[in-house]
């Protein structure tokens, strides 16, 4: 009888114990789109990561309404409201200006379990296209305060906002353009908006160049493969 009673006790104890779901063990990837875009532009990339087993937060933010530091604050609050389990690994993927936000988020409110970070076509040292257009009234109207901060001169003043790279960072740049006018303004090889050199950062662990134009980074299969390989292994495959 004692053995039967003991088994019943064990069964009852196990029945009252919550077992973590498989989803709770997945790594999280937070995705941030670029300026004048929405989360829909990043959906192909988000779908790709979900199929590979990641839980994806494809964030939306009002990219043309606030300055970069204000957008970083908004993103930090959004992430904190969505992720309550601080023990889970959190990775980041930032496209174009979204990559600057990723750097700012990590500098301001670094996750306890920060995983790996991938930046896609991010103007880490500014864009000459912005230098040329920033004073035009249409550019000001459509790209707002953050758009004014994407020039090469402004990038130097913004570095304290982004902090130093002391985490596993991989950067993907493009060398194909569909915008000859913009490329004319940019020295060196570029993706139509950002030069390869402007994407590079001191402390990065990996840098790879793909045949992709800036606009189509999120849906480019080569970009997706390189991104996944870095998130999984911390290196780019060649």
C-alpha atoms as a PDB file:
ATOM      1  CA  UNK A   1       0.000   0.000   0.000  1.00  0.00           C
ATOM      2  CA  UNK A   2       2.839   2.362   0.825  1.00  0.00           C
ATOM      3  CA  UNK A   3       4.233   2.011  -2.714  1.00  0.00           C
ATOM      4  CA  UNK A   4       0.838   2.742  -4.265  1.00  0.00           C
ATOM      5  CA  UNK A   5       0.382   5.780  -2.019  1.00  0.00           C
ATOM      6  CA  UNK A   6       3.854   7.057  -2.943  1.00  0.00           C
ATOM      7  CA  UNK A   7       3.094   6.723  -6.644  1.00  0.00           C
ATOM      8  CA  UNK A   8      -0.158   8.629  -6.238  1.00  0.00           C
ATOM      9  CA  UNK A   9       1.677  11.446  -4.449  1.00  0.00           C
ATOM     10  CA  UNK A  10       4.280  11.646  -7.229  1.00  0.00           C
ATOM     11  CA  UNK A  11       1.570  11.713  -9.929  1.00  0.00           C
ATOM     12  CA  UNK A  12      -0.281  14.493  -8.128  1.00  0.00           C
ATOM     13  CA  UNK A  13       2.907  16.530  -7.726  1.00  0.00           C
ATOM     14  CA  UNK A  14       3.789  16.173 -11.387  1.00  0.00           C
ATOM     15  CA  UNK A  15       0.284  17.112 -12.438  1.00  0.00           C
ATOM     16  CA  UNK A  16       0.585  20.383 -10.563  1.00  0.00           C
ATOM     17  CA  UNK A  17       3.980  21.248 -12.050  1.00  0.00           C
ATOM     18  CA  UNK A  18       3.987  23.549 -15.063  1.00  0.00           C
ATOM     19  CA  UNK A  19       6.229  22.265 -17.839  1.00  0.00           C
ATOM     20  CA  UNK A  20       7.789  24.979 -19.996  1.00  0.00           C
ATOM     21  CA  UNK A  21       6.548  24.930 -23.553  1.00  0.00           C
ATOM     22  CA  UNK A  22       8.967  24.439 -26.436  1.00  0.00           C
ATOM     23  CA  UNK A  23       8.425  28.063 -27.470  1.00  0.00           C
ATOM     24  CA  UNK A  24       9.878  29.295 -24.190  1.00  0.00           C
ATOM     25  CA  UNK A  25      13.228  27.728 -25.081  1.00  0.00           C
ATOM     26  CA  UNK A  26      13.478  29.308 -28.527  1.00  0.00           C
ATOM     27  CA  UNK A  27      15.958  32.076 -29.078  1.00  0.00           C
ATOM     28  CA  UNK A  28      14.368  35.412 -29.903  1.00  0.00           C
ATOM     29  CA  UNK A  29      15.320  37.562 -32.887  1.00  0.00           C
ATOM     30  CA  UNK A  30      14.236  41.197 -32.773  1.00  0.00           C
ATOM     31  CA  UNK A  31      14.023  42.806 -36.211  1.00  0.00           C
ATOM     32  CA  UNK A  32      13.992  46.542 -36.927  1.00  0.00           C
ATOM     33  CA  UNK A  33      13.148  47.990 -40.342  1.00  0.00           C
ATOM     34  CA  UNK A  34      14.689  51.045 -41.958  1.00  0.00           C
ATOM     35  CA  UNK A  35      13.547  54.628 -42.318  1.00  0.00           C
ATOM     36  CA  UNK A  36      10.336  55.312 -44.259  1.00  0.00           C
ATOM     37  CA  UNK A  37       9.504  51.595 -44.027  1.00  0.00           C
ATOM     38  CA  UNK A  38       7.308  49.367 -41.866  1.00  0.00           C
ATOM     39  CA  UNK A  39       7.547  45.845 -40.470  1.00  0.00           C
ATOM     40  CA  UNK A  40       5.976  44.591 -43.715  1.00  0.00           C
ATOM     41  CA  UNK A  41       9.208  45.299 -45.574  1.00  0.00           C
ATOM     42  CA  UNK A  42      10.982  42.905 -43.200  1.00  0.00           C
ATOM     43  CA  UNK A  43       8.354  40.153 -43.315  1.00  0.00           C
ATOM     44  CA  UNK A  44      10.215  37.905 -45.817  1.00  0.00           C
ATOM     45  CA  UNK A  45      13.190  37.897 -43.474  1.00  0.00           C
ATOM     46  CA  UNK A  46      10.962  37.322 -40.431  1.00  0.00           C
ATOM     47  CA  UNK A  47       9.246  34.365 -42.136  1.00  0.00           C
ATOM     48  CA  UNK A  48      12.625  32.878 -43.014  1.00  0.00           C
ATOM     49  CA  UNK A  49      13.822  33.045 -39.408  1.00  0.00           C
ATOM     50  CA  UNK A  50      10.580  31.580 -38.059  1.00  0.00           C
ATOM     51  CA  UNK A  51      10.959  28.577 -40.358  1.00  0.00           C
ATOM     52  CA  UNK A  52      14.457  28.114 -38.929  1.00  0.00           C
ATOM     53  CA  UNK A  53      13.041  27.815 -35.408  1.00  0.00           C
ATOM     54  CA  UNK A  54      13.434  31.310 -33.976  1.00  0.00           C
ATOM     55  CA  UNK A  55      10.761  33.335 -32.234  1.00  0.00           C
ATOM     56  CA  UNK A  56      10.674  36.614 -34.130  1.00  0.00           C
ATOM     57  CA  UNK A  57       9.601  40.069 -32.998  1.00  0.00           C
ATOM     58  CA  UNK A  58       9.278  42.131 -36.168  1.00  0.00           C
ATOM     59  CA  UNK A  59       8.925  45.573 -34.614  1.00  0.00           C
ATOM     60  CA  UNK A  60       7.207  48.607 -36.088  1.00  0.00           C
ATOM     61  CA  UNK A  61       8.241  52.123 -35.131  1.00  0.00           C
ATOM     62  CA  UNK A  62       7.437  55.650 -36.420  1.00  0.00           C
ATOM     63  CA  UNK A  63      10.728  56.129 -38.225  1.00  0.00           C
ATOM     64  CA  UNK A  64      10.021  59.593 -39.646  1.00  0.00           C
ATOM     65  CA  UNK A  65       8.363  61.244 -36.638  1.00  0.00           C
ATOM     66  CA  UNK A  66      11.163  61.386 -34.067  1.00  0.00           C
ATOM     67  CA  UNK A  67      14.913  61.748 -33.674  1.00  0.00           C
ATOM     68  CA  UNK A  68      17.138  58.699 -33.385  1.00  0.00           C
ATOM     69  CA  UNK A  69      17.504  58.958 -29.606  1.00  0.00           C
ATOM     70  CA  UNK A  70      13.715  59.236 -29.220  1.00  0.00           C
ATOM     71  CA  UNK A  71      13.180  56.239 -31.501  1.00  0.00           C
ATOM     72  CA  UNK A  72      15.653  54.223 -29.430  1.00  0.00           C
ATOM     73  CA  UNK A  73      13.699  55.062 -26.268  1.00  0.00           C
ATOM     74  CA  UNK A  74      10.427  53.989 -27.918  1.00  0.00           C
ATOM     75  CA  UNK A  75      11.953  50.722 -29.095  1.00  0.00           C
ATOM     76  CA  UNK A  76      13.373  49.942 -25.645  1.00  0.00           C
ATOM     77  CA  UNK A  77       9.925  50.405 -24.073  1.00  0.00           C
ATOM     78  CA  UNK A  78       8.293  48.251 -26.748  1.00  0.00           C
ATOM     79  CA  UNK A  79      10.787  45.425 -26.251  1.00  0.00           C
ATOM     80  CA  UNK A  80      10.468  45.552 -22.457  1.00  0.00           C
ATOM     81  CA  UNK A  81       6.689  45.278 -22.732  1.00  0.00           C
ATOM     82  CA  UNK A  82       6.914  42.232 -25.005  1.00  0.00           C
ATOM     83  CA  UNK A  83       9.709  40.233 -23.370  1.00  0.00           C
ATOM     84  CA  UNK A  84       9.288  39.498 -19.680  1.00  0.00           C
ATOM     85  CA  UNK A  85      11.552  36.442 -19.413  1.00  0.00           C
ATOM     86  CA  UNK A  86      15.030  37.945 -19.109  1.00  0.00           C
ATOM     87  CA  UNK A  87      16.712  34.519 -19.211  1.00  0.00           C
ATOM     88  CA  UNK A  88      16.008  33.966 -22.900  1.00  0.00           C
ATOM     89  CA  UNK A  89      18.659  34.676 -25.520  1.00  0.00           C
ATOM     90  CA  UNK A  90      17.852  37.777 -27.543  1.00  0.00           C
ATOM     91  CA  UNK A  91      19.421  38.368 -30.961  1.00  0.00           C
ATOM     92  CA  UNK A  92      19.001  41.449 -33.165  1.00  0.00           C
ATOM     93  CA  UNK A  93      18.796  42.089 -36.897  1.00  0.00           C
ATOM     94  CA  UNK A  94      18.710  45.720 -38.022  1.00  0.00           C
ATOM     95  CA  UNK A  95      18.192  46.885 -41.588  1.00  0.00           C
ATOM     96  CA  UNK A  96      19.558  50.255 -42.747  1.00  0.00           C
ATOM     97  CA  UNK A  97      18.654  52.872 -40.088  1.00  0.00           C
ATOM     98  CA  UNK A  98      17.157  50.054 -38.019  1.00  0.00           C
ATOM     99  CA  UNK A  99      20.723  48.886 -37.467  1.00  0.00           C
ATOM    100  CA  UNK A 100      21.540  52.198 -35.799  1.00  0.00           C
ATOM    101  CA  UNK A 101      18.560  51.686 -33.512  1.00  0.00           C
ATOM    102  CA  UNK A 102      19.800  48.201 -32.659  1.00  0.00           C
ATOM    103  CA  UNK A 103      23.167  49.612 -31.610  1.00  0.00           C
ATOM    104  CA  UNK A 104      21.418  52.292 -29.546  1.00  0.00           C
ATOM    105  CA  UNK A 105      19.096  49.788 -27.874  1.00  0.00           C
ATOM    106  CA  UNK A 106      22.021  47.617 -26.813  1.00  0.00           C
ATOM    107  CA  UNK A 107      23.947  50.632 -25.513  1.00  0.00           C
ATOM    108  CA  UNK A 108      20.951  51.891 -23.538  1.00  0.00           C
ATOM    109  CA  UNK A 109      19.310  48.698 -22.288  1.00  0.00           C
ATOM    110  CA  UNK A 110      21.468  45.681 -23.098  1.00  0.00           C
ATOM    111  CA  UNK A 111      19.577  42.387 -22.688  1.00  0.00           C
ATOM    112  CA  UNK A 112      20.881  40.151 -19.909  1.00  0.00           C
ATOM    113  CA  UNK A 113      21.275  37.305 -22.397  1.00  0.00           C
ATOM    114  CA  UNK A 114      22.374  39.163 -25.511  1.00  0.00           C
ATOM    115  CA  UNK A 115      22.973  36.793 -28.401  1.00  0.00           C
ATOM    116  CA  UNK A 116      24.319  37.828 -31.788  1.00  0.00           C
ATOM    117  CA  UNK A 117      23.679  40.935 -33.860  1.00  0.00           C
ATOM    118  CA  UNK A 118      23.485  41.324 -37.640  1.00  0.00           C
ATOM    119  CA  UNK A 119      23.310  44.686 -39.416  1.00  0.00           C
ATOM    120  CA  UNK A 120      22.112  44.880 -43.015  1.00  0.00           C
ATOM    121  CA  UNK A 121      23.253  47.836 -45.115  1.00  0.00           C
ATOM    122  CA  UNK A 122      23.466  50.104 -42.089  1.00  0.00           C
ATOM    123  CA  UNK A 123      25.069  53.557 -42.601  1.00  0.00           C
ATOM    124  CA  UNK A 124      27.252  53.320 -39.510  1.00  0.00           C
ATOM    125  CA  UNK A 125      29.309  56.277 -40.715  1.00  0.00           C
ATOM    126  CA  UNK A 126      26.494  58.095 -42.471  1.00  0.00           C
ATOM    127  CA  UNK A 127      25.361  58.416 -46.057  1.00  0.00           C
ATOM    128  CA  UNK A 128      26.533  60.906 -48.675  1.00  0.00           C
ATOM    129  CA  UNK A 129      23.051  60.749 -50.182  1.00  0.00           C
ATOM    130  CA  UNK A 130      21.703  62.323 -46.999  1.00  0.00           C
ATOM    131  CA  UNK A 131      24.459  64.944 -47.114  1.00  0.00           C
ATOM    132  CA  UNK A 132      23.223  65.972 -50.547  1.00  0.00           C
ATOM    133  CA  UNK A 133      19.469  65.887 -49.867  1.00  0.00           C
ATOM    134  CA  UNK A 134      19.028  66.801 -46.200  1.00  0.00           C
ATOM    135  CA  UNK A 135      18.311  70.503 -46.791  1.00  0.00           C
ATOM    136  CA  UNK A 136      15.705  69.887 -49.483  1.00  0.00           C
ATOM    137  CA  UNK A 137      12.174  70.548 -48.187  1.00  0.00           C
ATOM    138  CA  UNK A 138      10.772  67.289 -49.584  1.00  0.00           C
ATOM    139  CA  UNK A 139      13.477  65.264 -47.881  1.00  0.00           C
ATOM    140  CA  UNK A 140      12.779  67.064 -44.604  1.00  0.00           C
ATOM    141  CA  UNK A 141       9.046  66.466 -44.981  1.00  0.00           C
ATOM    142  CA  UNK A 142       9.210  62.765 -45.774  1.00  0.00           C
ATOM    143  CA  UNK A 143      12.225  61.650 -43.718  1.00  0.00           C
ATOM    144  CA  UNK A 144      11.769  63.773 -40.633  1.00  0.00           C
ATOM    145  CA  UNK A 145      14.156  64.328 -37.743  1.00  0.00           C
ATOM    146  CA  UNK A 146      15.906  60.960 -37.942  1.00  0.00           C
ATOM    147  CA  UNK A 147      16.475  61.459 -41.658  1.00  0.00           C
ATOM    148  CA  UNK A 148      18.374  64.633 -40.848  1.00  0.00           C
ATOM    149  CA  UNK A 149      20.757  62.630 -38.664  1.00  0.00           C
ATOM    150  CA  UNK A 150      21.884  60.133 -41.285  1.00  0.00           C
ATOM    151  CA  UNK A 151      24.579  62.252 -42.912  1.00  0.00           C
ATOM    152  CA  UNK A 152      28.299  61.570 -42.695  1.00  0.00           C
ATOM    153  CA  UNK A 153      29.008  64.600 -40.491  1.00  0.00           C
ATOM    154  CA  UNK A 154      26.205  63.811 -38.051  1.00  0.00           C
ATOM    155  CA  UNK A 155      27.439  60.241 -37.626  1.00  0.00           C
ATOM    156  CA  UNK A 156      30.489  61.413 -35.679  1.00  0.00           C
ATOM    157  CA  UNK A 157      28.357  63.261 -33.140  1.00  0.00           C
ATOM    158  CA  UNK A 158      26.048  60.279 -32.694  1.00  0.00           C
ATOM    159  CA  UNK A 159      28.685  57.679 -31.825  1.00  0.00           C
ATOM    160  CA  UNK A 160      28.219  58.105 -28.017  1.00  0.00           C
ATOM    161  CA  UNK A 161      24.554  57.195 -28.519  1.00  0.00           C
ATOM    162  CA  UNK A 162      25.527  53.828 -29.976  1.00  0.00           C
ATOM    163  CA  UNK A 163      28.340  52.793 -27.632  1.00  0.00           C
ATOM    164  CA  UNK A 164      31.221  50.475 -28.453  1.00  0.00           C
ATOM    165  CA  UNK A 165      30.892  47.094 -30.085  1.00  0.00           C
ATOM    166  CA  UNK A 166      31.675  44.542 -27.374  1.00  0.00           C
ATOM    167  CA  UNK A 167      29.277  41.857 -28.619  1.00  0.00           C
ATOM    168  CA  UNK A 168      29.206  39.427 -31.544  1.00  0.00           C
ATOM    169  CA  UNK A 169      28.422  41.618 -34.526  1.00  0.00           C
ATOM    170  CA  UNK A 170      28.167  40.605 -38.156  1.00  0.00           C
ATOM    171  CA  UNK A 171      27.647  43.147 -40.935  1.00  0.00           C
ATOM    172  CA  UNK A 172      26.284  42.540 -44.426  1.00  0.00           C
ATOM    173  CA  UNK A 173      26.904  45.142 -47.140  1.00  0.00           C
ATOM    174  CA  UNK A 174      25.763  45.301 -50.765  1.00  0.00           C
ATOM    175  CA  UNK A 175      27.645  46.066 -53.983  1.00  0.00           C
ATOM    176  CA  UNK A 176      24.752  46.276 -56.450  1.00  0.00           C
ATOM    177  CA  UNK A 177      22.786  49.430 -57.205  1.00  0.00           C
ATOM    178  CA  UNK A 178      19.576  50.262 -59.057  1.00  0.00           C
ATOM    179  CA  UNK A 179      19.979  53.979 -58.312  1.00  0.00           C
ATOM    180  CA  UNK A 180      22.788  55.422 -60.458  1.00  0.00           C
ATOM    181  CA  UNK A 181      22.158  58.993 -59.268  1.00  0.00           C
ATOM    182  CA  UNK A 182      22.634  58.108 -55.601  1.00  0.00           C
ATOM    183  CA  UNK A 183      25.615  55.918 -56.400  1.00  0.00           C
ATOM    184  CA  UNK A 184      27.229  58.854 -58.190  1.00  0.00           C
ATOM    185  CA  UNK A 185      27.192  60.736 -54.868  1.00  0.00           C
ATOM    186  CA  UNK A 186      28.768  57.876 -52.926  1.00  0.00           C
ATOM    187  CA  UNK A 187      32.534  57.271 -53.098  1.00  0.00           C
ATOM    188  CA  UNK A 188      33.594  53.676 -53.617  1.00  0.00           C
ATOM    189  CA  UNK A 189      31.359  50.655 -54.073  1.00  0.00           C
ATOM    190  CA  UNK A 190      27.830  50.915 -52.684  1.00  0.00           C
ATOM    191  CA  UNK A 191      24.346  49.401 -52.658  1.00  0.00           C
ATOM    192  CA  UNK A 192      22.623  52.501 -54.010  1.00  0.00           C
ATOM    193  CA  UNK A 193      22.254  54.159 -50.606  1.00  0.00           C
ATOM    194  CA  UNK A 194      25.218  53.194 -48.412  1.00  0.00           C
ATOM    195  CA  UNK A 195      28.865  52.562 -49.243  1.00  0.00           C
ATOM    196  CA  UNK A 196      30.535  49.338 -48.202  1.00  0.00           C
ATOM    197  CA  UNK A 197      33.026  51.319 -46.124  1.00  0.00           C
ATOM    198  CA  UNK A 198      30.272  53.105 -44.210  1.00  0.00           C
ATOM    199  CA  UNK A 199      28.841  49.801 -43.019  1.00  0.00           C
ATOM    200  CA  UNK A 200      32.053  48.700 -41.277  1.00  0.00           C
ATOM    201  CA  UNK A 201      32.609  49.088 -37.530  1.00  0.00           C
ATOM    202  CA  UNK A 202      35.537  48.625 -35.194  1.00  0.00           C
ATOM    203  CA  UNK A 203      34.957  45.502 -33.132  1.00  0.00           C
ATOM    204  CA  UNK A 204      32.803  43.681 -35.672  1.00  0.00           C
ATOM    205  CA  UNK A 205      33.372  39.945 -35.800  1.00  0.00           C
ATOM    206  CA  UNK A 206      32.464  39.453 -39.437  1.00  0.00           C
ATOM    207  CA  UNK A 207      31.798  41.452 -42.608  1.00  0.00           C
ATOM    208  CA  UNK A 208      30.519  40.132 -45.918  1.00  0.00           C
ATOM    209  CA  UNK A 209      29.546  41.764 -49.212  1.00  0.00           C
ATOM    210  CA  UNK A 210      26.652  40.411 -51.278  1.00  0.00           C
ATOM    211  CA  UNK A 211      25.306  41.245 -54.724  1.00  0.00           C
ATOM    212  CA  UNK A 212      22.205  43.036 -53.464  1.00  0.00           C
ATOM    213  CA  UNK A 213      20.759  46.528 -53.750  1.00  0.00           C
ATOM    214  CA  UNK A 214      19.789  48.371 -50.601  1.00  0.00           C
ATOM    215  CA  UNK A 215      16.024  48.216 -51.103  1.00  0.00           C
ATOM    216  CA  UNK A 216      15.847  44.462 -51.571  1.00  0.00           C
ATOM    217  CA  UNK A 217      18.069  43.305 -48.700  1.00  0.00           C
ATOM    218  CA  UNK A 218      15.250  41.750 -46.608  1.00  0.00           C
ATOM    219  CA  UNK A 219      14.039  39.497 -49.426  1.00  0.00           C
ATOM    220  CA  UNK A 220      17.458  38.621 -50.869  1.00  0.00           C
ATOM    221  CA  UNK A 221      18.199  34.901 -50.395  1.00  0.00           C
ATOM    222  CA  UNK A 222      21.965  35.398 -50.120  1.00  0.00           C
ATOM    223  CA  UNK A 223      21.456  38.020 -47.417  1.00  0.00           C
ATOM    224  CA  UNK A 224      19.118  35.671 -45.553  1.00  0.00           C
ATOM    225  CA  UNK A 225      21.567  32.752 -45.692  1.00  0.00           C
ATOM    226  CA  UNK A 226      24.480  34.842 -44.431  1.00  0.00           C
ATOM    227  CA  UNK A 227      22.339  36.331 -41.670  1.00  0.00           C
ATOM    228  CA  UNK A 228      21.198  32.897 -40.498  1.00  0.00           C
ATOM    229  CA  UNK A 229      24.709  31.472 -40.529  1.00  0.00           C
ATOM    230  CA  UNK A 230      25.996  34.293 -38.356  1.00  0.00           C
ATOM    231  CA  UNK A 231      23.110  34.037 -35.904  1.00  0.00           C
ATOM    232  CA  UNK A 232      23.703  30.292 -35.548  1.00  0.00           C
ATOM    233  CA  UNK A 233      27.486  30.074 -35.715  1.00  0.00           C
ATOM    234  CA  UNK A 234      28.943  33.541 -35.279  1.00  0.00           C
ATOM    235  CA  UNK A 235      30.605  33.491 -38.725  1.00  0.00           C
ATOM    236  CA  UNK A 236      29.687  34.176 -42.327  1.00  0.00           C
ATOM    237  CA  UNK A 237      29.951  31.350 -44.828  1.00  0.00           C
ATOM    238  CA  UNK A 238      31.691  32.134 -48.103  1.00  0.00           C
END
